[in-house]
Amino acid sequence: MNDPTPMIAEVRKFPPFEAGAKCRVLYGYEDPSGNSLSYDIGNVVTVSKICQPDSRWCIVTADNKKQGRIPSAILVQCDKKPVDGLACDFYHGRITREESEIRLKDMGEGTFLMRESVHKVGQYVMSVSLEKEIAHYFVYFTSPEYMVTIDFEAYFPTLHGLIQYYKSYISSGIPTLLDKALRCPEPRQILINYNFFAEAGWLIPLTEITHRKQISSLGRFGEVSSGSYRGREISIKSGRPDSIIIQEALLRQASTLTFGDNIFASHFNPKKDLTLCMEHLHHKNIIEFIGITLDDQQDISLVTEAVSEISLLSYVRRCGLTVLKENVLVNFARDICCGMCYISEKNFIYRDVALRNIALVNNQTAKISNFNFAMKASSYPFPLHYHCIKWMAPESIKDESFTSQSDIWSYGILLWELFSYGCQPYPQRSEDEILGLVEGGFRLDCPKGCPTNMYDIITSCWDILPQNRTTFEKIKQLLSNATIDTSTKSTR
């Protein structure tokens, strides 16, 4: 039997905590001898004793007062020290145009602030006080170069570079010199919440992470690297430095996967939520979140279980029909459905169901990743405007309405992608046409070679009325019962 204790490669004080420390269980453990308690991911325990001479083990006490023996390497201390993480003090978070004008009133020409649009998630705006008015300029990020601009005349690698330029030059973009940045009047909720993770034990010291190599690029968003943490293979998703947008996106994922809520929501109560058993998402078909790291500039990286170098979308495109038979695709569909069923049961809305957001583990298990846009069904209104209209339910496009049933519609598009081996939905159709098409009754044809009863499942996701669509639980039952007849296929 293999030693369940991860190897510690570096020479350092181990374990990095003392008796009496409160720690979070990093990943599940059950003593193979049966003489100890089992511990699930996220359990908080108190270290009663460090075993001697073998400090790789310690005795811990759970909330129910029961004691057990557990490897020290799978514990991380719940640090009570707050983490100072202000990246840009002129960033005012998600506020309205009117609120920004109130804040800039009488502040002098050239005073500016940065904010996120309340109507377009991920769209950032620079509000500037001019001589007689307040002007608002969208901040655009180009792809694939990942340059930032406001007028498509001058481009900069960082937001800081853009600001410095417009402090010295007047252009057609901004008809005045930027002068002083208006500091946010209250602690911001978007980039200062690292202490929530530290207090809950999700903050991982950089010294404990070993980076190996970049395994994939996130384009304008950053990169994913492989590495190890306490003897465990991991993936590290890093955003580009100096990018408010990317840092927020990474924090949004981390908060959803740990606290079971979005820490950017106005109703989020860290004191309340951190004293309760955290409702972080944990399922065999969801990428396991291990923690976050912060560098000296307070830029965040997400640490997850190790994943393949490519998404499921890239994988099915690369392998194609000759390698991936229908039964393999059905297994992938089942994996994703099980994960989505769990998300729905937890009262979450994923809002970005697409094959590109599915990761592979060992090229055989599909797992849902990228929780940028996930939210609690009961959470505050969180409008979403971005470029993936072809995956969105008609009510989401039309009324910005997101529910589990809109996730069902998107899952139907995902299944169509899967069984067409990565084809683009609605080919040769513009995004502006999609709402009219689906409201007019148009639906994607059955992909060639797709089992006909799988296509029946796909179309059951696409009823124009959300309440008439199938559910993840029903699809899960169909796929789990192996009722997909791969011998009956479409010839179109």
Protein backbone atom coordinates (compact mmCIF):
# COMPACT_ATOMS: atom_id res chain seq x y z
CA MET A 1 0.00 0.00 0.00
CA ASN A 2 1.32 3.45 -0.97
CA ASP A 3 2.20 5.94 1.74
CA PRO A 4 -0.71 8.41 1.75
CA THR A 5 1.54 11.24 2.95
CA PRO A 6 2.64 13.60 0.14
CA MET A 7 6.40 14.03 -0.20
CA ILE A 8 7.83 17.39 0.82
CA ALA A 9 10.51 18.29 -1.70
CA GLU A 10 11.89 21.48 -0.15
CA VAL A 11 13.76 21.93 3.11
CA ARG A 12 11.71 24.13 5.40
CA LYS A 13 10.01 24.11 8.77
CA PHE A 14 7.44 21.35 8.67
CA PRO A 15 4.69 21.42 9.48
CA PRO A 16 4.35 25.23 9.12
CA PHE A 17 2.03 25.48 12.13
CA GLU A 18 2.04 24.77 15.84
CA ALA A 19 -0.19 22.75 18.12
CA GLY A 20 -3.38 24.69 18.75
CA ALA A 21 -3.59 26.07 15.21
CA LYS A 22 -6.88 25.94 13.33
CA CYS A 23 -6.36 24.35 9.91
CA ARG A 24 -8.40 23.51 6.84
CA VAL A 25 -8.21 20.06 5.26
CA LEU A 26 -6.68 20.54 1.82
CA TYR A 27 -8.09 17.38 0.28
CA GLY A 28 -9.99 14.34 1.46
CA TYR A 29 -8.32 11.74 3.64
CA GLU A 30 -9.43 8.47 5.17
CA ASP A 31 -7.04 6.39 7.26
CA PRO A 32 -6.56 3.09 5.35
CA SER A 33 -6.28 1.23 8.66
CA GLY A 34 -9.77 2.32 9.64
CA ASN A 35 -8.54 3.46 13.04
CA SER A 36 -9.10 7.16 12.42
CA LEU A 37 -11.83 9.49 11.28
CA SER A 38 -12.29 10.50 7.66
CA TYR A 39 -11.91 14.12 6.63
CA ASP A 40 -13.47 15.90 3.69
CA ILE A 41 -12.10 18.82 1.70
CA GLY A 42 -12.74 22.08 3.53
CA ASN A 43 -13.18 20.60 7.03
CA VAL A 44 -11.73 22.87 9.71
CA VAL A 45 -9.86 21.10 12.52
CA THR A 46 -7.71 22.11 15.49
CA VAL A 47 -4.20 20.65 15.71
CA SER A 48 -3.95 19.02 19.12
CA LYS A 49 -0.45 17.55 18.79
CA ILE A 50 2.40 17.31 16.30
CA CYS A 51 3.56 13.70 16.24
CA GLN A 52 7.19 13.07 17.16
CA PRO A 53 9.64 12.17 15.81
CA ASP A 54 7.64 11.98 12.58
CA SER A 55 6.16 15.47 12.20
CA ARG A 56 4.59 14.43 8.92
CA TRP A 57 1.64 13.40 11.07
CA CYS A 58 -0.42 15.23 13.65
CA ILE A 59 -3.42 14.63 15.91
CA VAL A 60 -6.36 16.89 15.17
CA THR A 61 -9.69 17.58 16.85
CA ALA A 62 -12.79 18.09 14.72
CA ASP A 63 -15.78 20.26 15.57
CA ASN A 64 -17.52 17.24 17.04
CA LYS A 65 -14.62 16.92 19.56
CA LYS A 66 -13.45 13.64 18.04
CA GLN A 67 -9.73 13.20 17.48
CA GLY A 68 -7.87 11.51 14.67
CA ARG A 69 -4.45 11.14 13.06
CA ILE A 70 -3.91 12.92 9.75
CA PRO A 71 -0.97 13.78 7.45
CA SER A 72 0.35 17.28 8.23
CA ALA A 73 0.89 17.95 4.53
CA ILE A 74 -2.83 18.05 3.76
CA LEU A 75 -3.50 20.80 6.31
CA VAL A 76 -3.22 24.51 5.70
CA GLN A 77 -3.47 27.00 8.54
CA CYS A 78 -6.43 29.37 8.63
CA ASP A 79 -4.40 32.58 8.74
CA LYS A 80 -6.04 35.35 10.75
CA LYS A 81 -3.76 38.05 9.37
CA PRO A 82 -5.55 40.22 6.83
CA VAL A 83 -3.95 40.55 3.43
CA ASP A 84 -3.47 44.06 2.07
CA GLY A 85 -4.43 43.83 -1.57
CA LEU A 86 -5.23 47.23 -3.07
CA ALA A 87 -4.06 47.09 -6.68
CA CYS A 88 -5.61 50.34 -7.95
CA ASP A 89 -7.05 52.77 -5.42
CA PHE A 90 -8.72 54.77 -8.20
CA TYR A 91 -10.85 51.75 -9.11
CA HIS A 92 -14.36 52.28 -7.71
CA GLY A 93 -15.89 48.92 -8.59
CA ARG A 94 -19.30 48.45 -10.16
CA ILE A 95 -21.03 51.82 -9.83
CA THR A 96 -23.50 53.63 -12.07
CA ARG A 97 -22.68 56.44 -14.47
CA GLU A 98 -24.68 58.79 -12.26
CA GLU A 99 -22.77 57.78 -9.13
CA SER A 100 -19.44 58.37 -10.87
CA GLU A 101 -20.58 61.88 -11.88
CA ILE A 102 -21.57 62.64 -8.29
CA ARG A 103 -18.13 61.55 -7.07
CA LEU A 104 -16.30 63.63 -9.69
CA LYS A 105 -18.42 66.77 -9.27
CA ASP A 106 -16.33 69.82 -8.37
CA MET A 107 -13.16 67.73 -8.24
CA GLY A 108 -11.42 69.74 -10.95
CA GLU A 109 -10.67 69.21 -14.63
CA GLY A 110 -8.62 66.12 -15.35
CA THR A 111 -9.69 64.20 -12.24
CA PHE A 112 -10.60 60.62 -13.16
CA LEU A 113 -11.72 57.29 -11.79
CA MET A 114 -12.08 53.78 -13.16
CA ARG A 115 -15.29 51.78 -12.75
CA GLU A 116 -17.10 48.75 -14.11
CA SER A 117 -20.29 49.25 -16.06
CA VAL A 118 -23.37 48.06 -14.18
CA HIS A 119 -24.95 47.04 -17.50
CA LYS A 120 -22.03 45.23 -19.11
CA VAL A 121 -20.09 42.84 -16.91
CA GLY A 122 -16.41 42.96 -17.76
CA GLN A 123 -16.71 46.32 -19.52
CA TYR A 124 -14.60 48.93 -17.79
CA VAL A 125 -15.05 52.66 -18.05
CA MET A 126 -12.81 55.63 -17.34
CA SER A 127 -14.85 58.61 -16.10
CA VAL A 128 -13.07 61.95 -16.49
CA SER A 129 -13.98 65.43 -15.28
CA LEU A 130 -13.77 67.89 -18.20
CA GLU A 131 -14.21 71.66 -18.07
CA LYS A 132 -18.01 71.63 -18.23
CA GLU A 133 -19.04 67.96 -18.00
CA ILE A 134 -18.12 64.47 -16.96
CA ALA A 135 -17.09 62.26 -19.90
CA HIS A 136 -17.05 58.46 -19.94
CA TYR A 137 -14.68 56.35 -22.04
CA PHE A 138 -14.82 52.60 -22.57
CA VAL A 139 -11.55 50.80 -21.90
CA TYR A 140 -10.99 48.17 -24.59
CA PHE A 141 -8.71 45.17 -24.48
CA THR A 142 -7.53 43.98 -27.88
CA SER A 143 -7.01 40.34 -28.82
CA PRO A 144 -4.71 38.51 -29.28
CA GLU A 145 -2.10 41.20 -28.52
CA TYR A 146 -3.78 42.07 -25.22
CA MET A 147 -3.22 45.80 -25.50
CA VAL A 148 -5.41 48.39 -23.79
CA THR A 149 -6.88 51.42 -25.55
CA ILE A 150 -9.72 53.91 -25.31
CA ASP A 151 -9.63 55.41 -28.81
CA PHE A 152 -8.02 52.72 -31.00
CA GLU A 153 -5.25 55.19 -31.78
CA ALA A 154 -2.87 54.75 -28.87
CA TYR A 155 -2.31 51.25 -27.45
CA PHE A 156 -0.61 50.25 -24.19
CA PRO A 157 0.41 46.96 -22.58
CA THR A 158 -0.96 48.04 -19.18
CA LEU A 159 -3.64 50.28 -17.77
CA HIS A 160 -0.95 52.17 -15.85
CA GLY A 161 0.80 52.94 -19.14
CA LEU A 162 -2.42 54.32 -20.62
CA ILE A 163 -2.97 56.63 -17.67
CA GLN A 164 0.59 57.93 -17.73
CA TYR A 165 0.30 58.68 -21.46
CA TYR A 166 -2.89 60.71 -21.11
CA LYS A 167 -1.36 62.67 -18.27
CA SER A 168 1.11 64.02 -20.84
CA TYR A 169 -0.75 64.06 -24.17
CA ILE A 170 -4.13 65.34 -25.32
CA SER A 171 -5.69 63.27 -28.10
CA SER A 172 -8.97 62.89 -29.92
CA GLY A 173 -9.81 60.29 -27.28
CA ILE A 174 -9.60 62.51 -24.18
CA PRO A 175 -9.68 66.29 -24.83
CA THR A 176 -7.89 67.17 -21.58
CA LEU A 177 -4.85 66.00 -19.66
CA LEU A 178 -5.49 63.50 -16.90
CA ASP A 179 -4.52 65.12 -13.64
CA LYS A 180 -5.22 63.26 -10.43
CA ALA A 181 -6.87 59.93 -9.69
CA LEU A 182 -9.91 60.05 -7.44
CA ARG A 183 -9.44 57.52 -4.68
CA CYS A 184 -12.35 55.25 -3.91
CA PRO A 185 -14.16 56.76 -0.86
CA GLU A 186 -14.83 53.41 0.76
CA PRO A 187 -13.00 50.07 0.82
CA ARG A 188 -13.61 48.44 -2.53
CA GLN A 189 -15.19 45.02 -2.67
CA ILE A 190 -13.47 43.74 -5.77
CA LEU A 191 -9.74 43.71 -5.14
CA ILE A 192 -9.43 43.93 -1.36
CA ASN A 193 -11.07 40.69 -0.37
CA TYR A 194 -7.94 38.54 -0.21
CA ASN A 195 -8.30 38.49 3.57
CA PHE A 196 -11.49 36.45 3.18
CA PHE A 197 -9.38 33.70 1.64
CA ALA A 198 -6.59 34.05 4.19
CA GLU A 199 -8.98 33.82 7.12
CA ALA A 200 -10.57 30.71 5.66
CA GLY A 201 -7.26 29.00 4.91
CA TRP A 202 -7.38 29.20 1.11
CA LEU A 203 -4.32 31.46 0.75
CA ILE A 204 -1.25 29.42 -0.24
CA PRO A 205 2.27 30.82 0.35
CA LEU A 206 4.18 31.16 -2.93
CA THR A 207 7.11 29.33 -1.35
CA GLU A 208 5.02 26.16 -1.28
CA ILE A 209 4.27 26.21 -5.03
CA THR A 210 6.69 24.71 -7.55
CA HIS A 211 6.13 25.96 -11.11
CA ARG A 212 7.17 23.72 -13.96
CA LYS A 213 6.09 24.91 -17.38
CA GLN A 214 3.33 26.72 -19.21
CA ILE A 215 0.84 24.15 -20.49
CA SER A 216 -1.64 26.42 -22.24
CA SER A 217 -2.36 30.05 -23.01
CA LEU A 218 -5.50 31.91 -22.02
CA GLY A 219 -4.85 34.40 -24.79
CA ARG A 220 -5.54 37.88 -23.51
CA PHE A 221 -6.37 36.46 -20.08
CA GLY A 222 -3.04 34.91 -19.10
CA GLU A 223 -1.75 31.36 -18.95
CA VAL A 224 -2.04 28.00 -17.23
CA SER A 225 1.08 26.36 -15.84
CA SER A 226 1.77 22.97 -14.35
CA GLY A 227 3.37 22.58 -10.96
CA SER A 228 3.23 20.86 -7.62
CA TYR A 229 2.02 21.72 -4.14
CA ARG A 230 2.94 19.55 -1.18
CA GLY A 231 3.66 16.62 -3.45
CA ARG A 232 0.45 16.96 -5.43
CA GLU A 233 0.33 17.75 -9.16
CA ILE A 234 -1.52 21.01 -9.78
CA SER A 235 -2.44 23.55 -12.43
CA ILE A 236 -1.88 27.27 -11.85
CA LYS A 237 -4.06 29.77 -13.69
CA SER A 238 -2.44 33.20 -13.73
CA GLY A 239 -3.88 36.44 -15.04
CA ARG A 240 -1.88 39.09 -16.79
CA PRO A 241 -0.38 41.62 -14.33
CA ASP A 242 -1.89 45.09 -13.98
CA SER A 243 -5.23 43.91 -15.32
CA ILE A 244 -8.21 44.76 -13.16
CA ILE A 245 -10.48 42.67 -15.35
CA ILE A 246 -8.44 39.50 -15.09
CA GLN A 247 -7.82 39.83 -11.37
CA GLU A 248 -11.54 40.22 -10.78
CA ALA A 249 -12.35 37.25 -13.02
CA LEU A 250 -9.95 35.04 -11.07
CA LEU A 251 -11.29 36.27 -7.74
CA ARG A 252 -14.84 35.70 -8.94
CA GLN A 253 -14.02 32.05 -9.66
CA ALA A 254 -12.20 31.59 -6.37
CA SER A 255 -14.99 33.10 -4.28
CA THR A 256 -17.64 30.98 -5.97
CA LEU A 257 -15.68 27.78 -5.49
CA THR A 258 -14.85 28.46 -1.85
CA PHE A 259 -17.51 30.55 -0.15
CA GLY A 260 -20.37 29.28 -2.26
CA ASP A 261 -21.13 32.88 -3.20
CA ASN A 262 -19.66 35.82 -5.02
CA ILE A 263 -17.62 38.05 -2.71
CA PHE A 264 -18.35 40.98 -5.00
CA ALA A 265 -22.07 40.83 -4.25
CA SER A 266 -23.30 43.71 -2.13
CA HIS A 267 -24.99 41.37 0.31
CA PHE A 268 -21.90 39.25 1.00
CA ASN A 269 -21.24 39.06 4.74
CA PRO A 270 -17.75 37.64 5.39
CA LYS A 271 -18.12 37.51 9.18
CA LYS A 272 -21.31 35.49 8.86
CA ASP A 273 -20.22 33.29 5.98
CA LEU A 274 -16.82 32.45 7.39
CA THR A 275 -18.25 31.24 10.69
CA LEU A 276 -20.49 28.77 8.89
CA CYS A 277 -19.43 25.60 7.14
CA MET A 278 -18.29 26.85 3.77
CA GLU A 279 -20.49 25.83 0.89
CA HIS A 280 -17.72 25.62 -1.67
CA LEU A 281 -18.42 23.52 -4.71
CA HIS A 282 -16.90 20.05 -4.56
CA HIS A 283 -17.85 17.36 -7.05
CA LYS A 284 -16.00 14.76 -9.10
CA ASN A 285 -17.01 16.56 -12.31
CA ILE A 286 -16.00 20.06 -11.19
CA ILE A 287 -12.36 21.11 -11.21
CA GLU A 288 -11.14 20.93 -7.63
CA PHE A 289 -10.11 24.33 -6.34
CA ILE A 290 -7.15 24.14 -3.95
CA GLY A 291 -6.46 27.79 -3.18
CA ILE A 292 -5.02 31.08 -4.39
CA THR A 293 -1.57 32.61 -4.34
CA LEU A 294 -0.53 36.27 -4.32
CA ASP A 295 2.74 37.66 -5.63
CA ASP A 296 4.51 40.78 -4.42
CA GLN A 297 2.24 42.94 -6.61
CA GLN A 298 -0.85 41.27 -5.12
CA ASP A 299 -1.69 39.61 -8.45
CA ILE A 300 -3.72 36.49 -7.95
CA SER A 301 -3.31 32.98 -9.33
CA LEU A 302 -5.76 30.10 -8.95
CA VAL A 303 -4.43 26.71 -7.89
CA THR A 304 -6.48 23.69 -8.96
CA GLU A 305 -6.05 20.00 -9.48
CA ALA A 306 -3.93 19.12 -12.51
CA VAL A 307 -5.77 19.27 -15.84
CA SER A 308 -4.88 18.40 -19.42
CA GLU A 309 -3.17 20.92 -21.64
CA ILE A 310 -6.25 21.46 -23.80
CA SER A 311 -9.97 21.95 -23.24
CA LEU A 312 -12.53 19.34 -24.22
CA LEU A 313 -13.39 21.51 -27.24
CA SER A 314 -9.81 21.38 -28.52
CA TYR A 315 -9.61 17.69 -27.67
CA VAL A 316 -12.62 16.61 -29.72
CA ARG A 317 -11.50 18.79 -32.61
CA ARG A 318 -8.04 17.27 -32.52
CA CYS A 319 -9.11 13.65 -32.18
CA GLY A 320 -12.22 13.63 -34.33
CA LEU A 321 -14.47 10.73 -35.27
CA THR A 322 -11.68 8.27 -35.98
CA VAL A 323 -10.43 8.38 -32.38
CA LEU A 324 -13.48 9.35 -30.32
CA LYS A 325 -16.42 7.04 -30.81
CA GLU A 326 -19.97 7.86 -29.76
CA ASN A 327 -19.76 5.98 -26.47
CA VAL A 328 -16.82 8.15 -25.40
CA LEU A 329 -18.78 11.29 -26.24
CA VAL A 330 -21.74 9.97 -24.26
CA ASN A 331 -19.43 9.51 -21.26
CA PHE A 332 -18.26 13.10 -21.60
CA ALA A 333 -21.86 14.27 -21.85
CA ARG A 334 -22.70 12.31 -18.69
CA ASP A 335 -19.75 13.79 -16.78
CA ILE A 336 -20.76 17.34 -17.67
CA CYS A 337 -24.41 16.70 -16.89
CA CYS A 338 -23.54 15.29 -13.45
CA GLY A 339 -21.50 18.40 -12.70
CA MET A 340 -24.27 20.70 -13.91
CA CYS A 341 -26.86 18.75 -11.94
CA TYR A 342 -24.79 19.33 -8.80
CA ILE A 343 -24.41 23.03 -9.59
CA SER A 344 -28.17 23.32 -10.06
CA GLU A 345 -28.86 21.44 -6.82
CA LYS A 346 -26.59 23.91 -5.02
CA ASN A 347 -28.81 26.69 -6.36
CA PHE A 348 -26.13 28.08 -8.67
CA ILE A 349 -26.47 29.35 -12.22
CA TYR A 350 -23.36 28.72 -14.30
CA ARG A 351 -24.24 31.07 -17.18
CA ASP A 352 -21.42 30.06 -19.51
CA VAL A 353 -22.08 26.41 -20.39
CA ALA A 354 -19.91 25.67 -23.42
CA LEU A 355 -17.42 23.03 -24.46
CA ARG A 356 -14.53 25.50 -24.19
CA ASN A 357 -15.13 25.67 -20.41
CA ILE A 358 -14.80 21.92 -19.88
CA ALA A 359 -11.42 20.64 -18.74
CA LEU A 360 -10.05 17.13 -19.12
CA VAL A 361 -8.34 15.09 -16.44
CA ASN A 362 -6.21 12.20 -17.74
CA ASN A 363 -7.96 12.61 -21.11
CA GLN A 364 -10.92 10.63 -19.84
CA THR A 365 -12.89 12.61 -17.26
CA ALA A 366 -14.68 15.84 -18.18
CA LYS A 367 -14.83 18.49 -15.47
CA ILE A 368 -16.49 21.90 -15.41
CA SER A 369 -14.08 24.78 -14.98
CA ASN A 370 -13.99 28.58 -15.40
CA PHE A 371 -16.56 29.94 -12.95
CA ASN A 372 -16.16 33.56 -14.12
CA PHE A 373 -19.87 34.16 -14.51
CA ALA A 374 -21.40 31.71 -12.04
CA MET A 375 -23.73 33.13 -9.43
CA LYS A 376 -26.21 32.12 -6.79
CA ALA A 377 -29.75 31.94 -8.11
CA SER A 378 -30.74 34.15 -5.18
CA SER A 379 -27.91 36.61 -5.73
CA TYR A 380 -28.14 40.22 -6.80
CA PRO A 381 -28.88 41.04 -10.46
CA PHE A 382 -25.69 40.42 -12.39
CA PRO A 383 -26.24 41.38 -16.06
CA LEU A 384 -24.04 39.69 -18.62
CA HIS A 385 -23.07 41.00 -22.01
CA TYR A 386 -20.28 39.22 -23.78
CA HIS A 387 -19.51 37.64 -27.10
CA CYS A 388 -20.93 34.12 -26.68
CA ILE A 389 -24.49 34.89 -27.79
CA LYS A 390 -24.75 31.63 -29.74
CA TRP A 391 -24.75 29.62 -26.51
CA MET A 392 -27.26 31.78 -24.65
CA ALA A 393 -30.95 31.05 -24.13
CA PRO A 394 -33.33 33.46 -25.89
CA GLU A 395 -34.59 34.93 -22.61
CA SER A 396 -30.99 35.58 -21.57
CA ILE A 397 -30.26 37.46 -24.78
CA LYS A 398 -33.53 39.36 -24.72
CA ASP A 399 -34.18 40.08 -21.04
CA GLU A 400 -30.89 39.21 -19.30
CA SER A 401 -32.77 36.47 -17.46
CA PHE A 402 -30.54 33.65 -16.18
CA THR A 403 -31.86 30.53 -14.48
CA SER A 404 -31.05 26.85 -14.32
CA GLN A 405 -33.30 26.48 -17.36
CA SER A 406 -31.18 28.93 -19.33
CA ASP A 407 -28.20 26.74 -18.39
CA ILE A 408 -30.17 23.82 -19.84
CA TRP A 409 -30.48 25.61 -23.19
CA SER A 410 -26.71 26.22 -23.22
CA TYR A 411 -26.08 22.59 -22.29
CA GLY A 412 -28.04 21.59 -25.39
CA ILE A 413 -25.69 23.74 -27.48
CA LEU A 414 -22.74 22.08 -25.72
CA LEU A 415 -24.07 18.63 -26.60
CA TRP A 416 -24.44 19.74 -30.21
CA GLU A 417 -20.81 20.94 -30.15
CA LEU A 418 -19.70 17.65 -28.64
CA PHE A 419 -21.40 15.40 -31.18
CA SER A 420 -20.35 17.60 -34.09
CA TYR A 421 -16.75 17.25 -32.88
CA GLY A 422 -16.32 20.90 -32.06
CA CYS A 423 -18.16 22.64 -34.87
CA GLN A 424 -19.23 26.23 -34.35
CA PRO A 425 -22.99 26.49 -33.68
CA TYR A 426 -25.04 28.52 -36.17
CA PRO A 427 -22.25 28.64 -38.77
CA GLN A 428 -22.33 31.60 -41.13
CA ARG A 429 -24.86 33.35 -38.93
CA SER A 430 -24.06 36.58 -37.10
CA GLU A 431 -24.79 37.01 -33.40
CA ASP A 432 -27.36 39.69 -34.25
CA GLU A 433 -29.40 37.06 -36.08
CA ILE A 434 -29.55 34.44 -33.32
CA LEU A 435 -32.47 35.73 -31.24
CA GLY A 436 -34.72 36.16 -34.27
CA LEU A 437 -33.77 32.72 -35.56
CA VAL A 438 -34.59 30.79 -32.40
CA GLU A 439 -37.73 32.79 -31.65
CA GLY A 440 -38.82 31.99 -35.20
CA GLY A 441 -38.45 28.26 -34.52
CA PHE A 442 -35.05 27.57 -36.09
CA ARG A 443 -32.99 24.87 -34.38
CA LEU A 444 -29.61 23.37 -35.17
CA ASP A 445 -29.80 20.16 -37.22
CA CYS A 446 -28.73 16.83 -35.79
CA PRO A 447 -24.96 16.46 -36.27
CA LYS A 448 -23.96 13.75 -38.73
CA GLY A 449 -23.42 10.47 -36.89
CA CYS A 450 -25.13 11.65 -33.70
CA PRO A 451 -27.38 9.00 -32.11
CA THR A 452 -30.98 9.99 -32.79
CA ASN A 453 -32.10 9.64 -29.19
CA MET A 454 -29.16 11.82 -28.12
CA TYR A 455 -30.48 14.45 -30.50
CA ASP A 456 -33.87 14.03 -28.82
CA ILE A 457 -32.18 15.02 -25.55
CA ILE A 458 -30.52 17.97 -27.26
CA THR A 459 -33.78 19.34 -28.67
CA SER A 460 -35.53 18.86 -25.32
CA CYS A 461 -33.18 21.58 -24.04
CA TRP A 462 -34.38 24.07 -26.64
CA ASP A 463 -38.03 24.72 -25.92
CA ILE A 464 -38.68 28.43 -26.31
CA LEU A 465 -40.46 28.39 -22.92
CA PRO A 466 -37.97 27.78 -20.08
CA GLN A 467 -40.52 25.90 -17.97
CA ASN A 468 -41.07 23.38 -20.77
CA ARG A 469 -37.42 22.42 -21.10
CA THR A 470 -36.02 19.25 -19.63
CA THR A 471 -33.90 19.32 -16.46
CA PHE A 472 -30.37 18.25 -15.64
CA GLU A 473 -31.74 15.56 -13.34
CA LYS A 474 -33.82 14.02 -16.14
CA ILE A 475 -30.87 14.09 -18.55
CA LYS A 476 -28.62 12.60 -15.89
CA GLN A 477 -31.02 9.70 -15.44
CA LEU A 478 -31.19 9.07 -19.18
CA LEU A 479 -27.42 9.14 -19.61
CA SER A 480 -26.73 7.12 -16.44
CA ASN A 481 -29.13 4.42 -17.54
CA ALA A 482 -27.14 3.99 -20.75
CA THR A 483 -30.25 4.47 -22.86
CA ILE A 484 -28.38 6.16 -25.71
CA ASP A 485 -28.58 3.86 -28.72
CA THR A 486 -25.38 4.54 -30.66
CA SER A 487 -26.46 2.16 -33.41
CA THR A 488 -29.17 4.57 -34.61
CA LYS A 489 -27.50 7.61 -36.08
CA SER A 490 -28.24 10.64 -38.17
CA THR A 491 -26.96 10.45 -41.75
CA ARG A 492 -27.25 14.18 -42.38
